[in-house]
C-alpha atoms as a PDB file:
ATOM      1  CA  MET A   1    -131.874 102.485 119.039  1.00  0.00           C
ATOM      2  CA  LYS A   2    -132.368 100.331 115.226  1.00  0.00           C
ATOM      3  CA  LEU A   3    -135.300  98.020 115.613  1.00  0.00           C
ATOM      4  CA  GLN A   4    -136.577  95.257 112.892  1.00  0.00           C
ATOM      5  CA  MET A   5    -140.106  95.496 112.932  1.00  0.00           C
ATOM      6  CA  TYR A   6    -142.491  92.019 112.215  1.00  0.00           C
ATOM      7  CA  SER A   7    -146.298  91.512 112.346  1.00  0.00           C
ATOM      8  CA  ILE A   8    -147.436  88.487 112.049  1.00  0.00           C
ATOM      9  CA  HIS A   9    -151.180  87.670 111.366  1.00  0.00           C
ATOM     10  CA  PHE A  10    -151.530  91.101 110.540  1.00  0.00           C
ATOM     11  CA  ASP A  11    -150.788  94.512 109.582  1.00  0.00           C
ATOM     12  CA  ALA A  12    -149.329  96.907 112.226  1.00  0.00           C
ATOM     13  CA  ASP A  13    -150.503 100.134 112.063  1.00  0.00           C
ATOM     14  CA  GLN A  14    -147.553 102.916 112.141  1.00  0.00           C
ATOM     15  CA  THR A  15    -148.664 104.645 115.424  1.00  0.00           C
ATOM     16  CA  LEU A  16    -148.238 101.277 116.974  1.00  0.00           C
ATOM     17  CA  LEU A  17    -144.746 100.710 115.367  1.00  0.00           C
ATOM     18  CA  ASP A  18    -144.145 104.180 116.558  1.00  0.00           C
ATOM     19  CA  PHE A  19    -145.000 103.491 119.663  1.00  0.00           C
ATOM     20  CA  ILE A  20    -143.249  99.878 120.265  1.00  0.00           C
ATOM     21  CA  GLN A  21    -140.141 101.973 119.120  1.00  0.00           C
ATOM     22  CA  GLN A  22    -140.965 105.000 121.560  1.00  0.00           C
ATOM     23  CA  LYS A  23    -140.514 102.774 124.586  1.00  0.00           C
ATOM     24  CA  LEU A  24    -137.897 100.952 123.346  1.00  0.00           C
ATOM     25  CA  ASN A  25    -135.651 103.897 123.246  1.00  0.00           C
ATOM     26  CA  LYS A  26    -135.691 103.687 126.785  1.00  0.00           C
ATOM     27  CA  LEU A  27    -134.021 100.795 127.221  1.00  0.00           C
ATOM     28  CA  ASP A  28    -130.395 103.031 125.141  1.00  0.00           C
ATOM     29  CA  THR A  29    -130.705 105.278 128.809  1.00  0.00           C
ATOM     30  CA  PHE A  30    -129.793 102.398 130.627  1.00  0.00           C
ATOM     31  CA  PHE A  31    -127.482 100.988 127.905  1.00  0.00           C
ATOM     32  CA  ASP A  32    -125.470 102.769 125.965  1.00  0.00           C
ATOM     33  CA  LYS A  33    -124.041  99.839 123.887  1.00  0.00           C
ATOM     34  CA  ILE A  34    -127.289  98.059 122.565  1.00  0.00           C
ATOM     35  CA  ILE A  35    -126.464  97.118 118.751  1.00  0.00           C
ATOM     36  CA  ASP A  36    -129.638  96.829 117.399  1.00  0.00           C
ATOM     37  CA  GLY A  37    -132.611  94.715 118.308  1.00  0.00           C
ATOM     38  CA  GLU A  38    -135.856  92.644 116.890  1.00  0.00           C
ATOM     39  CA  VAL A  39    -139.855  93.267 117.353  1.00  0.00           C
ATOM     40  CA  PHE A  40    -142.073  90.486 116.602  1.00  0.00           C
ATOM     41  CA  LEU A  41    -146.064  91.245 116.998  1.00  0.00           C
ATOM     42  CA  ARG A  42    -148.058  88.337 116.613  1.00  0.00           C
ATOM     43  CA  LEU A  43    -151.899  87.481 117.310  1.00  0.00           C
ATOM     44  CA  ASP A  44    -152.919  84.476 118.467  1.00  0.00           C
ATOM     45  CA  ASN A  45    -156.574  83.563 117.391  1.00  0.00           C
ATOM     46  CA  ASN A  46    -156.237  80.275 119.600  1.00  0.00           C
ATOM     47  CA  ASN A  47    -155.783  82.249 123.137  1.00  0.00           C
ATOM     48  CA  GLY A  48    -158.766  83.758 124.233  1.00  0.00           C
ATOM     49  CA  ILE A  49    -158.500  87.462 125.744  1.00  0.00           C
ATOM     50  CA  ASN A  50    -154.747  87.794 125.995  1.00  0.00           C
ATOM     51  CA  ASN A  51    -154.205  86.843 122.576  1.00  0.00           C
ATOM     52  CA  LYS A  52    -151.510  89.355 121.624  1.00  0.00           C
ATOM     53  CA  ILE A  53    -148.163  88.139 121.696  1.00  0.00           C
ATOM     54  CA  VAL A  54    -144.645  90.743 122.207  1.00  0.00           C
ATOM     55  CA  GLU A  55    -141.485  89.169 121.558  1.00  0.00           C
ATOM     56  CA  VAL A  56    -138.386  90.833 121.653  1.00  0.00           C
ATOM     57  CA  LYS A  57    -134.652  90.157 120.768  1.00  0.00           C
ATOM     58  CA  ILE A  58    -132.191  92.641 121.964  1.00  0.00           C
ATOM     59  CA  PHE A  59    -128.768  92.320 120.848  1.00  0.00           C
ATOM     60  CA  VAL A  60    -125.994  93.519 123.032  1.00  0.00           C
ATOM     61  CA  PRO A  61    -121.882  92.910 122.359  1.00  0.00           C
ATOM     62  CA  GLY A  62    -121.607  89.574 123.625  1.00  0.00           C
ATOM     63  CA  GLN A  63    -125.143  88.476 124.167  1.00  0.00           C
ATOM     64  CA  THR A  64    -128.535  88.340 123.275  1.00  0.00           C
ATOM     65  CA  LEU A  65    -131.426  89.383 125.527  1.00  0.00           C
ATOM     66  CA  PHE A  66    -135.124  87.965 125.012  1.00  0.00           C
ATOM     67  CA  THR A  67    -138.338  88.657 126.068  1.00  0.00           C
ATOM     68  CA  ASN A  68    -142.130  86.645 125.585  1.00  0.00           C
ATOM     69  CA  GLN A  69    -145.331  88.952 126.597  1.00  0.00           C
ATOM     70  CA  GLU A  70    -148.256  88.461 126.331  1.00  0.00           C
ATOM     71  CA  SER A  71    -151.431  90.425 126.983  1.00  0.00           C
ATOM     72  CA  SER A  72    -154.714  92.021 125.742  1.00  0.00           C
ATOM     73  CA  SER A  73    -152.919  94.595 124.118  1.00  0.00           C
ATOM     74  CA  PHE A  74    -149.719  94.642 122.100  1.00  0.00           C
ATOM     75  CA  GLU A  75    -149.521  98.111 124.448  1.00  0.00           C
ATOM     76  CA  ASN A  76    -149.764  96.591 127.087  1.00  0.00           C
ATOM     77  CA  ALA A  77    -147.571  93.356 126.532  1.00  0.00           C
ATOM     78  CA  THR A  78    -145.087  95.888 125.539  1.00  0.00           C
ATOM     79  CA  ASP A  79    -144.892  97.868 128.379  1.00  0.00           C
ATOM     80  CA  ALA A  80    -144.132  93.857 129.912  1.00  0.00           C
ATOM     81  CA  ALA A  81    -141.230  93.538 127.958  1.00  0.00           C
ATOM     82  CA  LEU A  82    -139.827  97.204 128.559  1.00  0.00           C
ATOM     83  CA  ASP A  83    -140.110  95.696 132.477  1.00  0.00           C
ATOM     84  CA  VAL A  84    -138.405  92.941 131.608  1.00  0.00           C
ATOM     85  CA  LEU A  85    -135.187  93.818 129.504  1.00  0.00           C
ATOM     86  CA  THR A  86    -134.209  96.905 131.980  1.00  0.00           C
ATOM     87  CA  ARG A  87    -134.271  94.093 134.172  1.00  0.00           C
ATOM     88  CA  GLN A  88    -131.662  91.827 131.962  1.00  0.00           C
ATOM     89  CA  LEU A  89    -130.088  94.904 130.849  1.00  0.00           C
ATOM     90  CA  LYS A  90    -129.194  96.328 134.656  1.00  0.00           C
ATOM     91  CA  LYS A  91    -128.357  92.289 135.561  1.00  0.00           C
ATOM     92  CA  TYR A  92    -126.121  92.446 132.134  1.00  0.00           C
ATOM     93  CA  LYS A  93    -124.636  95.899 132.531  1.00  0.00           C
ATOM     94  CA  ASP A  94    -123.666  94.575 136.270  1.00  0.00           C
ATOM     95  CA  LYS A  95    -121.557  91.617 135.511  1.00  0.00           C
ATOM     96  CA  LEU A  96    -119.736  93.660 133.000  1.00  0.00           C
ATOM     97  CA  ILE A  97    -118.962  96.339 135.434  1.00  0.00           C
ATOM     98  CA  THR A  98    -118.578  93.145 137.977  1.00  0.00           C
ATOM     99  CA  HIS A  99    -115.588  91.039 135.820  1.00  0.00           C
END
């Protein structure tokens, strides 16, 4: 899947970007018609421990799936975002099949 990644208020290292790409590529196993996606990595200095924010938009035909997850690390927030997007994709796919 083609992903555009943006880091806001910091410079993300290549290891983190590769980790996110690898995790979100798993979404292709649930639905093969994903067009592309956008990932926004934010560092919020006002939020205490859970100051790492991962926002993911996935574009599928006719709809945009979105999640916003906060955690103490970008890796944990990415895992949570993957879980949410997996549920959303399964629900979207079920709607397509039943209609």
